[in-house]
């Protein structure tokens, strides 16, 4: 499913115009992005949690050459689904 599909679904189910539906989707995604960029956790009840975690730098290996390389520290986004979502996925 793409962002355009989400907008289309809102348009069909809620009855808002496509422009309004698009604006709502953009606002929700922008709010999620801003919250995560600030290091805050996003918890959507019945869906799951989005958390930004910091990974330390570490040694790695180039799989093509076998040379050791330094993998830099970075932030990663993790998602953990709620038990409600897990149950819904497994019932189908």
PDB file of N, CA and C in Angstrom:
ATOM      1  N   UNK A   1       0.849  -1.170   0.000  1.00  0.00           N
ATOM      2  CA  UNK A   1       0.000   0.000   0.000  1.00  0.00           C
ATOM      3  C   UNK A   1       0.895   1.234   0.000  1.00  0.00           C
ATOM      4  N   UNK A   2       0.571   2.178  -0.838  1.00  0.00           N
ATOM      5  CA  UNK A   2       1.345   3.411  -0.929  1.00  0.00           C
ATOM      6  C   UNK A   2       0.601   4.556  -0.245  1.00  0.00           C
ATOM      7  N   UNK A   3       1.277   5.680  -0.137  1.00  0.00           N
ATOM      8  CA  UNK A   3       0.640   6.857   0.447  1.00  0.00           C
ATOM      9  C   UNK A   3      -0.587   7.253  -0.386  1.00  0.00           C
ATOM     10  N   UNK A   4      -0.472   7.144  -1.698  1.00  0.00           N
ATOM     11  CA  UNK A   4      -1.611   7.459  -2.573  1.00  0.00           C
ATOM     12  C   UNK A   4      -2.789   6.522  -2.302  1.00  0.00           C
ATOM     13  N   UNK A   5      -2.510   5.257  -2.024  1.00  0.00           N
ATOM     14  CA  UNK A   5      -3.570   4.298  -1.696  1.00  0.00           C
ATOM     15  C   UNK A   5      -4.254   4.670  -0.381  1.00  0.00           C
ATOM     16  N   UNK A   6      -3.477   5.120   0.587  1.00  0.00           N
ATOM     17  CA  UNK A   6      -4.051   5.540   1.869  1.00  0.00           C
ATOM     18  C   UNK A   6      -4.965   6.744   1.660  1.00  0.00           C
ATOM     19  N   UNK A   7      -4.504   7.703   0.885  1.00  0.00           N
ATOM     20  CA  UNK A   7      -5.306   8.892   0.588  1.00  0.00           C
ATOM     21  C   UNK A   7      -6.600   8.498  -0.105  1.00  0.00           C
ATOM     22  N   UNK A   8      -6.509   7.605  -1.065  1.00  0.00           N
ATOM     23  CA  UNK A   8      -7.692   7.132  -1.796  1.00  0.00           C
ATOM     24  C   UNK A   8      -8.666   6.426  -0.855  1.00  0.00           C
ATOM     25  N   UNK A   9      -8.152   5.616   0.058  1.00  0.00           N
ATOM     26  CA  UNK A   9      -8.999   4.904   1.011  1.00  0.00           C
ATOM     27  C   UNK A   9      -9.738   5.874   1.929  1.00  0.00           C
ATOM     28  N   UNK A  10      -9.035   6.896   2.414  1.00  0.00           N
ATOM     29  CA  UNK A  10      -9.683   7.903   3.264  1.00  0.00           C
ATOM     30  C   UNK A  10     -10.749   8.646   2.463  1.00  0.00           C
ATOM     31  N   UNK A  11     -10.407   8.987   1.241  1.00  0.00           N
ATOM     32  CA  UNK A  11     -11.356   9.677   0.352  1.00  0.00           C
ATOM     33  C   UNK A  11     -12.646   8.869   0.196  1.00  0.00           C
ATOM     34  N   UNK A  12     -12.502   7.566  -0.035  1.00  0.00           N
ATOM     35  CA  UNK A  12     -13.674   6.714  -0.257  1.00  0.00           C
ATOM     36  C   UNK A  12     -14.461   6.442   1.027  1.00  0.00           C
ATOM     37  N   UNK A  13     -13.771   6.215   2.133  1.00  0.00           N
ATOM     38  CA  UNK A  13     -14.437   5.804   3.373  1.00  0.00           C
ATOM     39  C   UNK A  13     -15.006   6.961   4.178  1.00  0.00           C
ATOM     40  N   UNK A  14     -14.320   8.100   4.186  1.00  0.00           N
ATOM     41  CA  UNK A  14     -14.737   9.216   5.032  1.00  0.00           C
ATOM     42  C   UNK A  14     -15.575  10.225   4.256  1.00  0.00           C
ATOM     43  N   UNK A  15     -15.311  10.326   2.969  1.00  0.00           N
ATOM     44  CA  UNK A  15     -16.085  11.257   2.163  1.00  0.00           C
ATOM     45  C   UNK A  15     -15.466  12.643   2.068  1.00  0.00           C
ATOM     46  N   UNK A  16     -14.243  12.799   2.548  1.00  0.00           N
ATOM     47  CA  UNK A  16     -13.554  14.067   2.375  1.00  0.00           C
ATOM     48  C   UNK A  16     -13.064  14.166   0.936  1.00  0.00           C
ATOM     49  N   UNK A  17     -12.741  15.373   0.511  1.00  0.00           N
ATOM     50  CA  UNK A  17     -12.187  15.520  -0.834  1.00  0.00           C
ATOM     51  C   UNK A  17     -10.797  14.895  -0.855  1.00  0.00           C
ATOM     52  N   UNK A  18     -10.305  14.635  -2.063  1.00  0.00           N
ATOM     53  CA  UNK A  18      -8.963  14.058  -2.167  1.00  0.00           C
ATOM     54  C   UNK A  18      -7.923  15.030  -1.631  1.00  0.00           C
ATOM     55  N   UNK A  19      -8.137  16.312  -1.829  1.00  0.00           N
ATOM     56  CA  UNK A  19      -7.205  17.316  -1.324  1.00  0.00           C
ATOM     57  C   UNK A  19      -7.171  17.306   0.202  1.00  0.00           C
ATOM     58  N   UNK A  20      -8.350  17.244   0.825  1.00  0.00           N
ATOM     59  CA  UNK A  20      -8.419  17.194   2.290  1.00  0.00           C
ATOM     60  C   UNK A  20      -7.816  15.898   2.823  1.00  0.00           C
ATOM     61  N   UNK A  21      -8.109  14.797   2.150  1.00  0.00           N
ATOM     62  CA  UNK A  21      -7.559  13.504   2.554  1.00  0.00           C
ATOM     63  C   UNK A  21      -6.043  13.523   2.469  1.00  0.00           C
ATOM     64  N   UNK A  22      -5.525  14.094   1.409  1.00  0.00           N
ATOM     65  CA  UNK A  22      -4.081  14.195   1.221  1.00  0.00           C
ATOM     66  C   UNK A  22      -3.456  15.054   2.314  1.00  0.00           C
ATOM     67  N   UNK A  23      -4.095  16.165   2.625  1.00  0.00           N
ATOM     68  CA  UNK A  23      -3.579  17.065   3.657  1.00  0.00           C
ATOM     69  C   UNK A  23      -3.532  16.361   5.015  1.00  0.00           C
ATOM     70  N   UNK A  24      -4.556  15.593   5.337  1.00  0.00           N
ATOM     71  CA  UNK A  24      -4.599  14.865   6.610  1.00  0.00           C
ATOM     72  C   UNK A  24      -3.475  13.831   6.679  1.00  0.00           C
ATOM     73  N   UNK A  25      -3.303  13.056   5.616  1.00  0.00           N
ATOM     74  CA  UNK A  25      -2.246  12.039   5.600  1.00  0.00           C
ATOM     75  C   UNK A  25      -0.878  12.704   5.744  1.00  0.00           C
ATOM     76  N   UNK A  26      -0.658  13.786   5.019  1.00  0.00           N
ATOM     77  CA  UNK A  26       0.619  14.504   5.097  1.00  0.00           C
ATOM     78  C   UNK A  26       0.867  15.036   6.513  1.00  0.00           C
ATOM     79  N   UNK A  27      -0.171  15.588   7.146  1.00  0.00           N
ATOM     80  CA  UNK A  27      -0.027  16.109   8.510  1.00  0.00           C
ATOM     81  C   UNK A  27       0.294  15.006   9.511  1.00  0.00           C
ATOM     82  N   UNK A  28      -0.378  13.879   9.382  1.00  0.00           N
ATOM     83  CA  UNK A  28      -0.123  12.755  10.293  1.00  0.00           C
ATOM     84  C   UNK A  28       1.315  12.267  10.125  1.00  0.00           C
ATOM     85  N   UNK A  29       1.752  12.081   8.886  1.00  0.00           N
ATOM     86  CA  UNK A  29       3.106  11.593   8.644  1.00  0.00           C
ATOM     87  C   UNK A  29       4.159  12.605   9.095  1.00  0.00           C
ATOM     88  N   UNK A  30       3.903  13.880   8.871  1.00  0.00           N
ATOM     89  CA  UNK A  30       4.837  14.928   9.297  1.00  0.00           C
ATOM     90  C   UNK A  30       4.931  14.972  10.827  1.00  0.00           C
ATOM     91  N   UNK A  31       3.801  14.804  11.495  1.00  0.00           N
ATOM     92  CA  UNK A  31       3.793  14.779  12.960  1.00  0.00           C
ATOM     93  C   UNK A  31       4.580  13.583  13.488  1.00  0.00           C
ATOM     94  N   UNK A  32       4.386  12.421  12.888  1.00  0.00           N
ATOM     95  CA  UNK A  32       5.138  11.229  13.291  1.00  0.00           C
ATOM     96  C   UNK A  32       6.639  11.454  13.083  1.00  0.00           C
ATOM     97  N   UNK A  33       7.002  11.975  11.923  1.00  0.00           N
ATOM     98  CA  UNK A  33       8.408  12.210  11.603  1.00  0.00           C
ATOM     99  C   UNK A  33       9.037  13.196  12.586  1.00  0.00           C
ATOM    100  N   UNK A  34       8.356  14.310  12.843  1.00  0.00           N
ATOM    101  CA  UNK A  34       8.889  15.318  13.765  1.00  0.00           C
ATOM    102  C   UNK A  34       9.064  14.747  15.171  1.00  0.00           C
ATOM    103  N   UNK A  35       8.101  13.979  15.623  1.00  0.00           N
ATOM    104  CA  UNK A  35       8.177  13.370  16.957  1.00  0.00           C
ATOM    105  C   UNK A  35       9.363  12.420  17.050  1.00  0.00           C
ATOM    106  N   UNK A  36       9.543  11.584  16.028  1.00  0.00           N
ATOM    107  CA  UNK A  36      10.656  10.634  16.028  1.00  0.00           C
ATOM    108  C   UNK A  36      12.002  11.351  15.916  1.00  0.00           C
ATOM    109  N   UNK A  37      12.061  12.415  15.121  1.00  0.00           N
ATOM    110  CA  UNK A  37      13.299  13.190  14.995  1.00  0.00           C
ATOM    111  C   UNK A  37      13.709  13.810  16.327  1.00  0.00           C
ATOM    112  N   UNK A  38      12.733  14.141  17.163  1.00  0.00           N
ATOM    113  CA  UNK A  38      13.007  14.711  18.485  1.00  0.00           C
ATOM    114  C   UNK A  38      13.372  13.645  19.512  1.00  0.00           C
ATOM    115  N   UNK A  39      13.452  12.396  19.084  1.00  0.00           N
ATOM    116  CA  UNK A  39      13.843  11.315  19.981  1.00  0.00           C
ATOM    117  C   UNK A  39      12.712  10.771  20.828  1.00  0.00           C
ATOM    118  N   UNK A  40      11.495  11.189  20.535  1.00  0.00           N
ATOM    119  CA  UNK A  40      10.349  10.709  21.299  1.00  0.00           C
ATOM    120  C   UNK A  40       9.790   9.432  20.683  1.00  0.00           C
ATOM    121  N   UNK A  41       9.151   8.641  21.513  1.00  0.00           N
ATOM    122  CA  UNK A  41       8.524   7.399  21.073  1.00  0.00           C
ATOM    123  C   UNK A  41       7.120   7.715  20.561  1.00  0.00           C
ATOM    124  N   UNK A  42       6.683   6.991  19.538  1.00  0.00           N
ATOM    125  CA  UNK A  42       5.325   7.137  19.031  1.00  0.00           C
ATOM    126  C   UNK A  42       4.586   5.840  19.324  1.00  0.00           C
ATOM    127  N   UNK A  43       3.516   5.950  20.111  1.00  0.00           N
ATOM    128  CA  UNK A  43       2.719   4.780  20.477  1.00  0.00           C
ATOM    129  C   UNK A  43       1.323   4.975  19.915  1.00  0.00           C
ATOM    130  N   UNK A  44       0.919   4.055  19.046  1.00  0.00           N
ATOM    131  CA  UNK A  44      -0.421   4.092  18.465  1.00  0.00           C
ATOM    132  C   UNK A  44      -1.169   2.895  19.023  1.00  0.00           C
ATOM    133  N   UNK A  45      -2.105   3.179  19.890  1.00  0.00           N
ATOM    134  CA  UNK A  45      -2.844   2.131  20.579  1.00  0.00           C
ATOM    135  C   UNK A  45      -3.507   1.190  19.581  1.00  0.00           C
ATOM    136  N   UNK A  46      -3.335  -0.098  19.790  1.00  0.00           N
ATOM    137  CA  UNK A  46      -3.923  -1.104  18.919  1.00  0.00           C
ATOM    138  C   UNK A  46      -3.116  -1.354  17.660  1.00  0.00           C
ATOM    139  N   UNK A  47      -2.027  -0.610  17.468  1.00  0.00           N
ATOM    140  CA  UNK A  47      -1.199  -0.767  16.274  1.00  0.00           C
ATOM    141  C   UNK A  47       0.237  -1.132  16.648  1.00  0.00           C
ATOM    142  N   UNK A  48       0.908  -0.262  17.428  1.00  0.00           N
ATOM    143  CA  UNK A  48       2.268  -0.577  17.841  1.00  0.00           C
ATOM    144  C   UNK A  48       3.060   0.646  18.235  1.00  0.00           C
ATOM    145  N   UNK A  49       4.351   0.428  18.479  1.00  0.00           N
ATOM    146  CA  UNK A  49       5.258   1.484  18.929  1.00  0.00           C
ATOM    147  C   UNK A  49       6.389   1.686  17.921  1.00  0.00           C
ATOM    148  N   UNK A  50       6.681   2.948  17.642  1.00  0.00           N
ATOM    149  CA  UNK A  50       7.837   3.317  16.838  1.00  0.00           C
ATOM    150  C   UNK A  50       8.845   3.954  17.793  1.00  0.00           C
ATOM    151  N   UNK A  51      10.086   3.478  17.767  1.00  0.00           N
ATOM    152  CA  UNK A  51      11.121   3.986  18.664  1.00  0.00           C
ATOM    153  C   UNK A  51      12.409   4.181  17.863  1.00  0.00           C
ATOM    154  N   UNK A  52      13.076   5.327  18.091  1.00  0.00           N
ATOM    155  CA  UNK A  52      14.384   5.562  17.487  1.00  0.00           C
ATOM    156  C   UNK A  52      15.440   5.083  18.476  1.00  0.00           C
ATOM    157  N   UNK A  53      16.299   4.191  18.021  1.00  0.00           N
ATOM    158  CA  UNK A  53      17.364   3.662  18.866  1.00  0.00           C
ATOM    159  C   UNK A  53      18.709   4.077  18.275  1.00  0.00           C
ATOM    160  N   UNK A  54      19.687   4.238  19.155  1.00  0.00           N
ATOM    161  CA  UNK A  54      21.035   4.582  18.719  1.00  0.00           C
ATOM    162  C   UNK A  54      21.884   3.329  18.727  1.00  0.00           C
ATOM    163  N   UNK A  55      22.525   3.054  17.590  1.00  0.00           N
ATOM    164  CA  UNK A  55      23.447   1.927  17.498  1.00  0.00           C
ATOM    165  C   UNK A  55      24.865   2.459  17.613  1.00  0.00           C
ATOM    166  N   UNK A  56      25.683   1.799  18.387  1.00  0.00           N
ATOM    167  CA  UNK A  56      27.074   2.199  18.542  1.00  0.00           C
ATOM    168  C   UNK A  56      27.856   1.865  17.278  1.00  0.00           C
ATOM    169  N   UNK A  57      29.009   2.505  17.139  1.00  0.00           N
ATOM    170  CA  UNK A  57      29.878   2.120  16.026  1.00  0.00           C
ATOM    171  C   UNK A  57      30.453   0.745  16.348  1.00  0.00           C
ATOM    172  N   UNK A  58      30.797   0.017  15.305  1.00  0.00           N
ATOM    173  CA  UNK A  58      31.306  -1.336  15.521  1.00  0.00           C
ATOM    174  C   UNK A  58      32.150  -1.759  14.334  1.00  0.00           C
ATOM    175  N   UNK A  59      32.879  -2.813  14.541  1.00  0.00           N
ATOM    176  CA  UNK A  59      33.675  -3.375  13.452  1.00  0.00           C
ATOM    177  C   UNK A  59      32.802  -4.285  12.621  1.00  0.00           C
ATOM    178  N   UNK A  60      33.033  -4.222  11.339  1.00  0.00           N
ATOM    179  CA  UNK A  60      32.310  -5.097  10.433  1.00  0.00           C
ATOM    180  C   UNK A  60      33.267  -5.634   9.391  1.00  0.00           C
ATOM    181  N   UNK A  61      32.734  -6.329   8.443  1.00  0.00           N
ATOM    182  CA  UNK A  61      33.564  -6.919   7.401  1.00  0.00           C
ATOM    183  C   UNK A  61      32.883  -6.701   6.057  1.00  0.00           C
ATOM    184  N   UNK A  62      33.656  -6.244   5.084  1.00  0.00           N
ATOM    185  CA  UNK A  62      33.144  -6.104   3.727  1.00  0.00           C
ATOM    186  C   UNK A  62      32.943  -7.510   3.167  1.00  0.00           C
ATOM    187  N   UNK A  63      31.711  -7.883   2.826  1.00  0.00           N
ATOM    188  CA  UNK A  63      31.465  -9.261   2.384  1.00  0.00           C
ATOM    189  C   UNK A  63      32.128  -9.596   1.046  1.00  0.00           C
ATOM    190  N   UNK A  64      32.429  -8.590   0.233  1.00  0.00           N
ATOM    191  CA  UNK A  64      33.046  -8.867  -1.074  1.00  0.00           C
ATOM    192  C   UNK A  64      34.551  -9.079  -0.966  1.00  0.00           C
ATOM    193  N   UNK A  65      35.201  -8.261  -0.112  1.00  0.00           N
ATOM    194  CA  UNK A  65      36.662  -8.340  -0.018  1.00  0.00           C
ATOM    195  C   UNK A  65      37.158  -9.022   1.247  1.00  0.00           C
ATOM    196  N   UNK A  66      36.314  -9.079   2.269  1.00  0.00           N
ATOM    197  CA  UNK A  66      36.728  -9.655   3.548  1.00  0.00           C
ATOM    198  C   UNK A  66      37.483  -8.667   4.423  1.00  0.00           C
ATOM    199  N   UNK A  67      37.707  -7.439   3.920  1.00  0.00           N
ATOM    200  CA  UNK A  67      38.414  -6.422   4.698  1.00  0.00           C
ATOM    201  C   UNK A  67      37.563  -5.955   5.867  1.00  0.00           C
ATOM    202  N   UNK A  68      38.274  -5.682   7.000  1.00  0.00           N
ATOM    203  CA  UNK A  68      37.570  -5.125   8.152  1.00  0.00           C
ATOM    204  C   UNK A  68      37.260  -3.661   7.886  1.00  0.00           C
ATOM    205  N   UNK A  69      36.063  -3.244   8.304  1.00  0.00           N
ATOM    206  CA  UNK A  69      35.669  -1.846   8.161  1.00  0.00           C
ATOM    207  C   UNK A  69      35.047  -1.388   9.469  1.00  0.00           C
ATOM    208  N   UNK A  70      35.011  -0.074   9.655  1.00  0.00           N
ATOM    209  CA  UNK A  70      34.368   0.504  10.834  1.00  0.00           C
ATOM    210  C   UNK A  70      32.964   0.954  10.420  1.00  0.00           C
ATOM    211  N   UNK A  71      31.949   0.406  11.057  1.00  0.00           N
ATOM    212  CA  UNK A  71      30.571   0.818  10.802  1.00  0.00           C
ATOM    213  C   UNK A  71      30.264   1.940  11.783  1.00  0.00           C
ATOM    214  N   UNK A  72      29.894   3.087  11.254  1.00  0.00           N
ATOM    215  CA  UNK A  72      29.694   4.265  12.104  1.00  0.00           C
ATOM    216  C   UNK A  72      28.433   4.147  12.958  1.00  0.00           C
ATOM    217  N   UNK A  73      28.427   4.899  14.047  1.00  0.00           N
ATOM    218  CA  UNK A  73      27.246   4.954  14.909  1.00  0.00           C
ATOM    219  C   UNK A  73      26.111   5.586  14.119  1.00  0.00           C
ATOM    220  N   UNK A  74      24.899   5.151  14.388  1.00  0.00           N
ATOM    221  CA  UNK A  74      23.752   5.687  13.658  1.00  0.00           C
ATOM    222  C   UNK A  74      22.480   5.456  14.450  1.00  0.00           C
ATOM    223  N   UNK A  75      21.433   6.112  14.006  1.00  0.00           N
ATOM    224  CA  UNK A  75      20.119   5.927  14.608  1.00  0.00           C
ATOM    225  C   UNK A  75      19.299   5.037  13.682  1.00  0.00           C
ATOM    226  N   UNK A  76      18.517   4.154  14.270  1.00  0.00           N
ATOM    227  CA  UNK A  76      17.641   3.270  13.508  1.00  0.00           C
ATOM    228  C   UNK A  76      16.224   3.359  14.068  1.00  0.00           C
ATOM    229  N   UNK A  77      15.273   3.189  13.203  1.00  0.00           N
ATOM    230  CA  UNK A  77      13.874   3.200  13.604  1.00  0.00           C
ATOM    231  C   UNK A  77      13.407   1.764  13.786  1.00  0.00           C
ATOM    232  N   UNK A  78      12.818   1.486  14.942  1.00  0.00           N
ATOM    233  CA  UNK A  78      12.287   0.152  15.179  1.00  0.00           C
ATOM    234  C   UNK A  78      10.772   0.240  15.375  1.00  0.00           C
ATOM    235  N   UNK A  79      10.106  -0.833  15.039  1.00  0.00           N
ATOM    236  CA  UNK A  79       8.662  -0.920  15.220  1.00  0.00           C
ATOM    237  C   UNK A  79       8.350  -2.215  15.929  1.00  0.00           C
ATOM    238  N   UNK A  80       7.523  -2.129  16.945  1.00  0.00           N
ATOM    239  CA  UNK A  80       7.051  -3.331  17.635  1.00  0.00           C
ATOM    240  C   UNK A  80       5.529  -3.296  17.595  1.00  0.00           C
ATOM    241  N   UNK A  81       4.951  -4.299  16.974  1.00  0.00           N
ATOM    242  CA  UNK A  81       3.502  -4.326  16.835  1.00  0.00           C
ATOM    243  C   UNK A  81       2.834  -4.647  18.164  1.00  0.00           C
ATOM    244  N   UNK A  82       1.615  -4.155  18.309  1.00  0.00           N
ATOM    245  CA  UNK A  82       0.853  -4.405  19.532  1.00  0.00           C
ATOM    246  C   UNK A  82       0.288  -5.825  19.497  1.00  0.00           C
ATOM    247  N   UNK A  83      -0.042  -6.362  20.650  1.00  0.00           N
ATOM    248  CA  UNK A  83      -0.671  -7.692  20.676  1.00  0.00           C
ATOM    249  C   UNK A  83      -1.980  -7.730  19.878  1.00  0.00           C
ATOM    250  N   UNK A  84      -2.699  -6.623  19.863  1.00  0.00           N
ATOM    251  CA  UNK A  84      -3.958  -6.573  19.111  1.00  0.00           C
ATOM    252  C   UNK A  84      -3.699  -6.740  17.616  1.00  0.00           C
ATOM    253  N   UNK A  85      -2.679  -6.045  17.096  1.00  0.00           N
ATOM    254  CA  UNK A  85      -2.334  -6.163  15.679  1.00  0.00           C
ATOM    255  C   UNK A  85      -1.817  -7.555  15.377  1.00  0.00           C
ATOM    256  N   UNK A  86      -0.982  -8.113  16.243  1.00  0.00           N
ATOM    257  CA  UNK A  86      -0.457  -9.466  16.040  1.00  0.00           C
ATOM    258  C   UNK A  86      -1.596 -10.479  15.957  1.00  0.00           C
ATOM    259  N   UNK A  87      -2.546 -10.338  16.869  1.00  0.00           N
ATOM    260  CA  UNK A  87      -3.690 -11.239  16.874  1.00  0.00           C
ATOM    261  C   UNK A  87      -4.500 -11.117  15.583  1.00  0.00           C
ATOM    262  N   UNK A  88      -4.742  -9.872  15.151  1.00  0.00           N
ATOM    263  CA  UNK A  88      -5.506  -9.643  13.930  1.00  0.00           C
ATOM    264  C   UNK A  88      -4.796 -10.239  12.714  1.00  0.00           C
ATOM    265  N   UNK A  89      -3.484 -10.139  12.671  1.00  0.00           N
ATOM    266  CA  UNK A  89      -2.723 -10.684  11.539  1.00  0.00           C
ATOM    267  C   UNK A  89      -2.780 -12.205  11.513  1.00  0.00           C
ATOM    268  N   UNK A  90      -2.784 -12.813  12.683  1.00  0.00           N
ATOM    269  CA  UNK A  90      -2.763 -14.272  12.745  1.00  0.00           C
ATOM    270  C   UNK A  90      -4.132 -14.914  12.632  1.00  0.00           C
ATOM    271  N   UNK A  91      -5.193 -14.120  12.728  1.00  0.00           N
ATOM    272  CA  UNK A  91      -6.542 -14.672  12.593  1.00  0.00           C
ATOM    273  C   UNK A  91      -6.941 -14.867  11.140  1.00  0.00           C
ATOM    274  N   UNK A  92      -6.223 -14.236  10.244  1.00  0.00           N
ATOM    275  CA  UNK A  92      -6.590 -14.318   8.808  1.00  0.00           C
ATOM    276  C   UNK A  92      -5.963 -15.493   8.137  1.00  0.00           C
TER     277      UNK A  92
END
